[in-house]
PDB file of N, CA and C in Angstrom:
ATOM      1  N   MET A   1      15.820  87.587 349.347  1.00  0.00           N
ATOM      2  CA  MET A   1      15.908  86.173 349.024  1.00  0.00           C
ATOM      3  C   MET A   1      15.345  85.353 350.189  1.00  0.00           C
ATOM      4  N   ILE A   2      14.503  84.418 349.907  1.00  0.00           N
ATOM      5  CA  ILE A   2      13.925  83.538 350.918  1.00  0.00           C
ATOM      6  C   ILE A   2      14.929  82.427 351.260  1.00  0.00           C
ATOM      7  N   THR A   3      15.092  82.167 352.542  1.00  0.00           N
ATOM      8  CA  THR A   3      16.013  81.119 352.980  1.00  0.00           C
ATOM      9  C   THR A   3      15.248  79.829 353.251  1.00  0.00           C
ATOM     10  N   ALA A   4      15.990  78.748 353.401  1.00  0.00           N
ATOM     11  CA  ALA A   4      15.391  77.443 353.718  1.00  0.00           C
ATOM     12  C   ALA A   4      14.610  77.525 355.029  1.00  0.00           C
ATOM     13  N   ARG A   5      15.197  78.155 356.027  1.00  0.00           N
ATOM     14  CA  ARG A   5      14.544  78.255 357.329  1.00  0.00           C
ATOM     15  C   ARG A   5      13.267  79.088 357.256  1.00  0.00           C
ATOM     16  N   GLN A   6      13.307  80.176 356.481  1.00  0.00           N
ATOM     17  CA  GLN A   6      12.112  81.010 356.340  1.00  0.00           C
ATOM     18  C   GLN A   6      10.986  80.241 355.657  1.00  0.00           C
ATOM     19  N   SER A   7      11.317  79.470 354.649  1.00  0.00           N
ATOM     20  CA  SER A   7      10.294  78.692 353.950  1.00  0.00           C
ATOM     21  C   SER A   7       9.649  77.679 354.893  1.00  0.00           C
ATOM     22  N   ARG A   8      10.472  76.962 355.644  1.00  0.00           N
ATOM     23  CA  ARG A   8       9.937  75.970 356.576  1.00  0.00           C
ATOM     24  C   ARG A   8       9.095  76.624 357.673  1.00  0.00           C
ATOM     25  N   ALA A   9       9.571  77.757 358.195  1.00  0.00           N
ATOM     26  CA  ALA A   9       8.825  78.463 359.244  1.00  0.00           C
ATOM     27  C   ALA A   9       7.499  78.997 358.715  1.00  0.00           C
ATOM     28  N   ALA A  10       7.519  79.546 357.515  1.00  0.00           N
ATOM     29  CA  ALA A  10       6.296  80.077 356.915  1.00  0.00           C
ATOM     30  C   ALA A  10       5.276  78.966 356.701  1.00  0.00           C
ATOM     31  N   ARG A  11       5.739  77.823 356.216  1.00  0.00           N
ATOM     32  CA  ARG A  11       4.822  76.681 356.041  1.00  0.00           C
ATOM     33  C   ARG A  11       4.209  76.284 357.366  1.00  0.00           C
ATOM     34  N   ALA A  12       5.026  76.265 358.416  1.00  0.00           N
ATOM     35  CA  ALA A  12       4.524  75.882 359.740  1.00  0.00           C
ATOM     36  C   ALA A  12       3.453  76.863 360.215  1.00  0.00           C
ATOM     37  N   LEU A  13       3.671  78.156 360.006  1.00  0.00           N
ATOM     38  CA  LEU A  13       2.685  79.154 360.414  1.00  0.00           C
ATOM     39  C   LEU A  13       1.357  78.979 359.682  1.00  0.00           C
ATOM     40  N   LEU A  14       1.434  78.550 358.426  1.00  0.00           N
ATOM     41  CA  LEU A  14       0.222  78.358 357.628  1.00  0.00           C
ATOM     42  C   LEU A  14      -0.376  76.967 357.792  1.00  0.00           C
ATOM     43  N   GLY A  15       0.361  76.059 358.430  1.00  0.00           N
ATOM     44  CA  GLY A  15      -0.122  74.690 358.591  1.00  0.00           C
ATOM     45  C   GLY A  15      -0.057  73.891 357.306  1.00  0.00           C
ATOM     46  N   TRP A  16       0.891  74.237 356.431  1.00  0.00           N
ATOM     47  CA  TRP A  16       1.037  73.570 355.135  1.00  0.00           C
ATOM     48  C   TRP A  16       2.153  72.542 355.176  1.00  0.00           C
ATOM     49  N   ASN A  17       1.988  71.482 354.397  1.00  0.00           N
ATOM     50  CA  ASN A  17       3.096  70.553 354.181  1.00  0.00           C
ATOM     51  C   ASN A  17       3.813  70.961 352.888  1.00  0.00           C
ATOM     52  N   GLN A  18       4.889  70.272 352.568  1.00  0.00           N
ATOM     53  CA  GLN A  18       5.654  70.629 351.369  1.00  0.00           C
ATOM     54  C   GLN A  18       4.830  70.473 350.096  1.00  0.00           C
ATOM     55  N   GLU A  19       3.992  69.464 350.047  1.00  0.00           N
ATOM     56  CA  GLU A  19       3.176  69.245 348.858  1.00  0.00           C
ATOM     57  C   GLU A  19       2.230  70.418 348.609  1.00  0.00           C
ATOM     58  N   THR A  20       1.637  70.938 349.677  1.00  0.00           N
ATOM     59  CA  THR A  20       0.716  72.066 349.542  1.00  0.00           C
ATOM     60  C   THR A  20       1.438  73.297 349.017  1.00  0.00           C
ATOM     61  N   LEU A  21       2.601  73.605 349.603  1.00  0.00           N
ATOM     62  CA  LEU A  21       3.341  74.781 349.155  1.00  0.00           C
ATOM     63  C   LEU A  21       3.824  74.615 347.719  1.00  0.00           C
ATOM     64  N   ALA A  22       4.325  73.455 347.372  1.00  0.00           N
ATOM     65  CA  ALA A  22       4.781  73.224 345.999  1.00  0.00           C
ATOM     66  C   ALA A  22       3.633  73.447 345.013  1.00  0.00           C
ATOM     67  N   ASP A  23       2.453  72.956 345.365  1.00  0.00           N
ATOM     68  CA  ASP A  23       1.287  73.135 344.508  1.00  0.00           C
ATOM     69  C   ASP A  23       0.905  74.612 344.379  1.00  0.00           C
ATOM     70  N   LYS A  24       0.834  75.315 345.506  1.00  0.00           N
ATOM     71  CA  LYS A  24       0.438  76.725 345.476  1.00  0.00           C
ATOM     72  C   LYS A  24       1.476  77.603 344.782  1.00  0.00           C
ATOM     73  N   ALA A  25       2.750  77.227 344.889  1.00  0.00           N
ATOM     74  CA  ALA A  25       3.824  77.996 344.246  1.00  0.00           C
ATOM     75  C   ALA A  25       4.053  77.563 342.805  1.00  0.00           C
ATOM     76  N   GLN A  26       3.419  76.496 342.410  1.00  0.00           N
ATOM     77  CA  GLN A  26       3.571  75.940 341.063  1.00  0.00           C
ATOM     78  C   GLN A  26       5.027  75.602 340.754  1.00  0.00           C
ATOM     79  N   VAL A  27       5.651  74.919 341.734  1.00  0.00           N
ATOM     80  CA  VAL A  27       7.001  74.398 341.548  1.00  0.00           C
ATOM     81  C   VAL A  27       6.963  72.904 341.848  1.00  0.00           C
ATOM     82  N   SER A  28       7.964  72.187 341.390  1.00  0.00           N
ATOM     83  CA  SER A  28       7.996  70.753 341.671  1.00  0.00           C
ATOM     84  C   SER A  28       8.326  70.522 343.140  1.00  0.00           C
ATOM     85  N   LEU A  29       7.878  69.396 343.656  1.00  0.00           N
ATOM     86  CA  LEU A  29       8.174  69.041 345.037  1.00  0.00           C
ATOM     87  C   LEU A  29       9.685  68.901 345.225  1.00  0.00           C
ATOM     88  N   THR A  30      10.372  68.370 344.232  1.00  0.00           N
ATOM     89  CA  THR A  30      11.831  68.240 344.298  1.00  0.00           C
ATOM     90  C   THR A  30      12.490  69.604 344.420  1.00  0.00           C
ATOM     91  N   ALA A  31      12.018  70.584 343.651  1.00  0.00           N
ATOM     92  CA  ALA A  31      12.586  71.935 343.715  1.00  0.00           C
ATOM     93  C   ALA A  31      12.364  72.546 345.097  1.00  0.00           C
ATOM     94  N   LEU A  32      11.181  72.351 345.671  1.00  0.00           N
ATOM     95  CA  LEU A  32      10.909  72.886 347.002  1.00  0.00           C
ATOM     96  C   LEU A  32      11.787  72.204 348.043  1.00  0.00           C
ATOM     97  N   ARG A  33      11.949  70.907 347.926  1.00  0.00           N
ATOM     98  CA  ARG A  33      12.812  70.191 348.877  1.00  0.00           C
ATOM     99  C   ARG A  33      14.249  70.695 348.793  1.00  0.00           C
ATOM    100  N   ARG A  34      14.718  71.004 347.597  1.00  0.00           N
ATOM    101  CA  ARG A  34      16.059  71.572 347.432  1.00  0.00           C
ATOM    102  C   ARG A  34      16.138  72.930 348.120  1.00  0.00           C
ATOM    103  N   LEU A  35      15.107  73.766 347.931  1.00  0.00           N
ATOM    104  CA  LEU A  35      15.088  75.092 348.552  1.00  0.00           C
ATOM    105  C   LEU A  35      15.123  74.978 350.070  1.00  0.00           C
ATOM    106  N   GLU A  36      14.380  74.036 350.628  1.00  0.00           N
ATOM    107  CA  GLU A  36      14.277  73.905 352.079  1.00  0.00           C
ATOM    108  C   GLU A  36      15.399  73.076 352.700  1.00  0.00           C
ATOM    109  N   SER A  37      16.295  72.577 351.895  1.00  0.00           N
ATOM    110  CA  SER A  37      17.415  71.784 352.387  1.00  0.00           C
ATOM    111  C   SER A  37      18.475  72.693 353.007  1.00  0.00           C
ATOM    112  N   GLU A  38      19.123  72.224 354.050  1.00  0.00           N
ATOM    113  CA  GLU A  38      20.222  72.962 354.672  1.00  0.00           C
ATOM    114  C   GLU A  38      21.568  72.554 354.065  1.00  0.00           C
ATOM    115  N   ASN A  39      21.546  71.768 353.000  1.00  0.00           N
ATOM    116  CA  ASN A  39      22.776  71.253 352.409  1.00  0.00           C
ATOM    117  C   ASN A  39      23.390  72.176 351.371  1.00  0.00           C
ATOM    118  N   GLY A  40      22.839  73.362 351.190  1.00  0.00           N
ATOM    119  CA  GLY A  40      23.402  74.306 350.235  1.00  0.00           C
ATOM    120  C   GLY A  40      23.219  73.903 348.786  1.00  0.00           C
ATOM    121  N   LEU A  41      22.147  73.173 348.494  1.00  0.00           N
ATOM    122  CA  LEU A  41      21.892  72.749 347.129  1.00  0.00           C
ATOM    123  C   LEU A  41      21.525  73.957 346.264  1.00  0.00           C
ATOM    124  N   ARG A  42      21.868  73.890 345.003  1.00  0.00           N
ATOM    125  CA  ARG A  42      21.565  74.994 344.094  1.00  0.00           C
ATOM    126  C   ARG A  42      20.052  75.053 343.833  1.00  0.00           C
ATOM    127  N   VAL A  43      19.515  76.262 343.890  1.00  0.00           N
ATOM    128  CA  VAL A  43      18.097  76.493 343.654  1.00  0.00           C
ATOM    129  C   VAL A  43      17.961  77.682 342.715  1.00  0.00           C
ATOM    130  N   TYR A  44      17.138  77.534 341.697  1.00  0.00           N
ATOM    131  CA  TYR A  44      16.906  78.642 340.771  1.00  0.00           C
ATOM    132  C   TYR A  44      16.237  79.800 341.504  1.00  0.00           C
ATOM    133  N   GLU A  45      16.637  81.017 341.167  1.00  0.00           N
ATOM    134  CA  GLU A  45      16.017  82.201 341.766  1.00  0.00           C
ATOM    135  C   GLU A  45      14.532  82.272 341.418  1.00  0.00           C
ATOM    136  N   SER A  46      14.164  81.772 340.247  1.00  0.00           N
ATOM    137  CA  SER A  46      12.739  81.775 339.873  1.00  0.00           C
ATOM    138  C   SER A  46      11.937  80.879 340.823  1.00  0.00           C
ATOM    139  N   THR A  47      12.525  79.787 341.285  1.00  0.00           N
ATOM    140  CA  THR A  47      11.853  78.906 342.247  1.00  0.00           C
ATOM    141  C   THR A  47      11.679  79.640 343.569  1.00  0.00           C
ATOM    142  N   ARG A  48      12.745  80.276 344.043  1.00  0.00           N
ATOM    143  CA  ARG A  48      12.664  81.039 345.299  1.00  0.00           C
ATOM    144  C   ARG A  48      11.587  82.126 345.196  1.00  0.00           C
ATOM    145  N   ASP A  49      11.552  82.792 344.054  1.00  0.00           N
ATOM    146  CA  ASP A  49      10.590  83.873 343.856  1.00  0.00           C
ATOM    147  C   ASP A  49       9.161  83.349 343.844  1.00  0.00           C
ATOM    148  N   GLN A  50       8.910  82.239 343.177  1.00  0.00           N
ATOM    149  CA  GLN A  50       7.558  81.664 343.131  1.00  0.00           C
ATOM    150  C   GLN A  50       7.101  81.231 344.522  1.00  0.00           C
ATOM    151  N   VAL A  51       8.007  80.632 345.279  1.00  0.00           N
ATOM    152  CA  VAL A  51       7.668  80.203 346.635  1.00  0.00           C
ATOM    153  C   VAL A  51       7.385  81.421 347.512  1.00  0.00           C
ATOM    154  N   ARG A  52       8.244  82.423 347.425  1.00  0.00           N
ATOM    155  CA  ARG A  52       8.042  83.647 348.203  1.00  0.00           C
ATOM    156  C   ARG A  52       6.695  84.293 347.885  1.00  0.00           C
ATOM    157  N   ARG A  53       6.376  84.406 346.603  1.00  0.00           N
ATOM    158  CA  ARG A  53       5.113  85.038 346.207  1.00  0.00           C
ATOM    159  C   ARG A  53       3.908  84.248 346.694  1.00  0.00           C
ATOM    160  N   ALA A  54       3.970  82.918 346.634  1.00  0.00           N
ATOM    161  CA  ALA A  54       2.857  82.088 347.106  1.00  0.00           C
ATOM    162  C   ALA A  54       2.644  82.273 348.606  1.00  0.00           C
ATOM    163  N   LEU A  55       3.724  82.350 349.361  1.00  0.00           N
ATOM    164  CA  LEU A  55       3.613  82.535 350.808  1.00  0.00           C
ATOM    165  C   LEU A  55       3.099  83.936 351.139  1.00  0.00           C
ATOM    166  N   GLU A  56       3.632  84.946 350.466  1.00  0.00           N
ATOM    167  CA  GLU A  56       3.171  86.314 350.708  1.00  0.00           C
ATOM    168  C   GLU A  56       1.695  86.481 350.358  1.00  0.00           C
ATOM    169  N   ALA A  57       1.237  85.798 349.324  1.00  0.00           N
ATOM    170  CA  ALA A  57      -0.170  85.881 348.925  1.00  0.00           C
ATOM    171  C   ALA A  57      -1.092  85.302 349.993  1.00  0.00           C
ATOM    172  N   ASN A  58      -0.519  84.531 350.911  1.00  0.00           N
ATOM    173  CA  ASN A  58      -1.307  83.918 351.976  1.00  0.00           C
ATOM    174  C   ASN A  58      -0.979  84.501 353.345  1.00  0.00           C
ATOM    175  N   GLY A  59      -0.445  85.732 353.350  1.00  0.00           N
ATOM    176  CA  GLY A  59      -0.271  86.462 354.599  1.00  0.00           C
ATOM    177  C   GLY A  59       1.102  86.439 355.231  1.00  0.00           C
ATOM    178  N   ILE A  60       2.058  85.771 354.632  1.00  0.00           N
ATOM    179  CA  ILE A  60       3.394  85.701 355.212  1.00  0.00           C
ATOM    180  C   ILE A  60       4.169  86.973 354.889  1.00  0.00           C
ATOM    181  N   VAL A  61       4.858  87.492 355.903  1.00  0.00           N
ATOM    182  CA  VAL A  61       5.742  88.650 355.746  1.00  0.00           C
ATOM    183  C   VAL A  61       7.153  88.191 356.102  1.00  0.00           C
ATOM    184  N   PHE A  62       8.098  88.460 355.219  1.00  0.00           N
ATOM    185  CA  PHE A  62       9.496  88.095 355.450  1.00  0.00           C
ATOM    186  C   PHE A  62      10.235  89.275 356.045  1.00  0.00           C
ATOM    187  N   MET A  63      11.066  88.997 357.035  1.00  0.00           N
ATOM    188  CA  MET A  63      11.825  90.042 357.714  1.00  0.00           C
ATOM    189  C   MET A  63      13.299  89.674 357.704  1.00  0.00           C
ATOM    190  N   ALA A  64      14.142  90.693 357.585  1.00  0.00           N
ATOM    191  CA  ALA A  64      15.585  90.486 357.659  1.00  0.00           C
ATOM    192  C   ALA A  64      16.214  91.707 358.307  1.00  0.00           C
ATOM    193  N   THR A  65      17.098  91.466 359.253  1.00  0.00           N
ATOM    194  CA  THR A  65      17.853  92.531 359.894  1.00  0.00           C
ATOM    195  C   THR A  65      19.305  92.111 359.935  1.00  0.00           C
ATOM    196  N   ASP A  66      20.140  92.960 360.467  1.00  0.00           N
ATOM    197  CA  ASP A  66      21.550  92.594 360.614  1.00  0.00           C
ATOM    198  C   ASP A  66      21.737  91.486 361.651  1.00  0.00           C
ATOM    199  N   ARG A  67      20.705  91.219 362.436  1.00  0.00           N
ATOM    200  CA  ARG A  67      20.771  90.176 363.469  1.00  0.00           C
ATOM    201  C   ARG A  67      20.172  88.856 363.019  1.00  0.00           C
ATOM    202  N   GLY A  68      19.545  88.814 361.854  1.00  0.00           N
ATOM    203  CA  GLY A  68      18.980  87.564 361.361  1.00  0.00           C
ATOM    204  C   GLY A  68      17.746  87.787 360.516  1.00  0.00           C
ATOM    205  N   GLU A  69      17.080  86.692 360.194  1.00  0.00           N
ATOM    206  CA  GLU A  69      15.873  86.762 359.384  1.00  0.00           C
ATOM    207  C   GLU A  69      14.739  86.020 360.080  1.00  0.00           C
ATOM    208  N   GLY A  70      13.519  86.315 359.635  1.00  0.00           N
ATOM    209  CA  GLY A  70      12.359  85.670 360.229  1.00  0.00           C
ATOM    210  C   GLY A  70      11.142  85.801 359.344  1.00  0.00           C
ATOM    211  N   VAL A  71      10.020  85.302 359.853  1.00  0.00           N
ATOM    212  CA  VAL A  71       8.744  85.391 359.149  1.00  0.00           C
ATOM    213  C   VAL A  71       7.645  85.641 360.170  1.00  0.00           C
ATOM    214  N   MET A  72       6.574  86.229 359.700  1.00  0.00           N
ATOM    215  CA  MET A  72       5.374  86.363 360.526  1.00  0.00           C
ATOM    216  C   MET A  72       4.177  86.251 359.605  1.00  0.00           C
ATOM    217  N   VAL A  73       3.038  85.952 360.174  1.00  0.00           N
ATOM    218  CA  VAL A  73       1.819  85.853 359.377  1.00  0.00           C
ATOM    219  C   VAL A  73       0.910  87.016 359.756  1.00  0.00           C
ATOM    220  N   MET A  74       0.435  87.693 358.741  1.00  0.00           N
ATOM    221  CA  MET A  74      -0.506  88.802 358.918  1.00  0.00           C
ATOM    222  C   MET A  74      -1.871  88.288 358.486  1.00  0.00           C
ATOM    223  N   HIS A  75      -2.850  88.470 359.327  1.00  0.00           N
ATOM    224  CA  HIS A  75      -4.200  88.027 359.003  1.00  0.00           C
ATOM    225  C   HIS A  75      -5.000  89.187 358.450  1.00  0.00           C
ATOM    226  N   ASN A  76      -5.567  88.985 357.292  1.00  0.00           N
ATOM    227  CA  ASN A  76      -6.436  89.963 356.660  1.00  0.00           C
ATOM    228  C   ASN A  76      -7.798  89.903 357.339  1.00  0.00           C
ATOM    229  N   GLY A  77      -8.428  91.030 357.536  1.00  0.00           N
ATOM    230  CA  GLY A  77      -9.744  91.076 358.173  1.00  0.00           C
ATOM    231  C   GLY A  77     -10.812  90.312 357.419  1.00  0.00           C
ATOM    232  N   ASN A  78     -10.589  90.027 356.136  1.00  0.00           N
ATOM    233  CA  ASN A  78     -11.574  89.302 355.333  1.00  0.00           C
ATOM    234  C   ASN A  78     -11.417  87.799 355.412  1.00  0.00           C
ATOM    235  N   ARG A  79     -10.330  87.331 355.992  1.00  0.00           N
ATOM    236  CA  ARG A  79     -10.105  85.890 356.054  1.00  0.00           C
ATOM    237  C   ARG A  79     -10.927  85.259 357.162  1.00  0.00           C
ATOM    238  N   ALA A  80     -11.328  84.035 356.958  1.00  0.00           N
ATOM    239  CA  ALA A  80     -12.160  83.320 357.931  1.00  0.00           C
ATOM    240  C   ALA A  80     -11.425  83.116 359.249  1.00  0.00           C
ATOM    241  N   ASP A  81     -10.092  83.022 359.212  1.00  0.00           N
ATOM    242  CA  ASP A  81      -9.341  82.733 360.425  1.00  0.00           C
ATOM    243  C   ASP A  81      -8.811  84.010 361.091  1.00  0.00           C
ATOM    244  N   SER A  82      -9.308  85.179 360.698  1.00  0.00           N
ATOM    245  CA  SER A  82      -8.764  86.425 361.214  1.00  0.00           C
ATOM    246  C   SER A  82      -8.994  86.612 362.717  1.00  0.00           C
ATOM    247  N   GLY A  83      -9.944  85.894 363.285  1.00  0.00           N
ATOM    248  CA  GLY A  83     -10.207  86.021 364.702  1.00  0.00           C
ATOM    249  C   GLY A  83      -9.349  85.115 365.564  1.00  0.00           C
ATOM    250  N   LYS A  84      -8.583  84.227 364.964  1.00  0.00           N
ATOM    251  CA  LYS A  84      -7.756  83.298 365.723  1.00  0.00           C
ATOM    252  C   LYS A  84      -6.593  84.029 366.355  1.00  0.00           C
ATOM    253  N   ARG A  85      -6.253  83.617 367.535  1.00  0.00           N
ATOM    254  CA  ARG A  85      -5.073  84.168 368.218  1.00  0.00           C
ATOM    255  C   ARG A  85      -3.967  83.143 368.147  1.00  0.00           C
ATOM    256  N   LEU A  86      -2.752  83.616 367.954  1.00  0.00           N
ATOM    257  CA  LEU A  86      -1.590  82.728 367.900  1.00  0.00           C
ATOM    258  C   LEU A  86      -0.842  82.771 369.211  1.00  0.00           C
TER     259      LEU A  86
END
């Protein structure tokens, strides 16, 4: 399951705003804002899944351990930005 913090971090790694992610995930901006809220608002699992798939399709890898969760971006050798260093 993607968390609010993971979604925000993944967007930051990709340089996307909420509007861009909502568009790429084909969810409403309101639904994305609910997902990224720290207020514990209810979010449909289908929304979480669409957002997760859109981020993964653009190189994001989600990680979870007993110590916490995180995200990283994997650059494909075919992408124009594959030579950039972070």
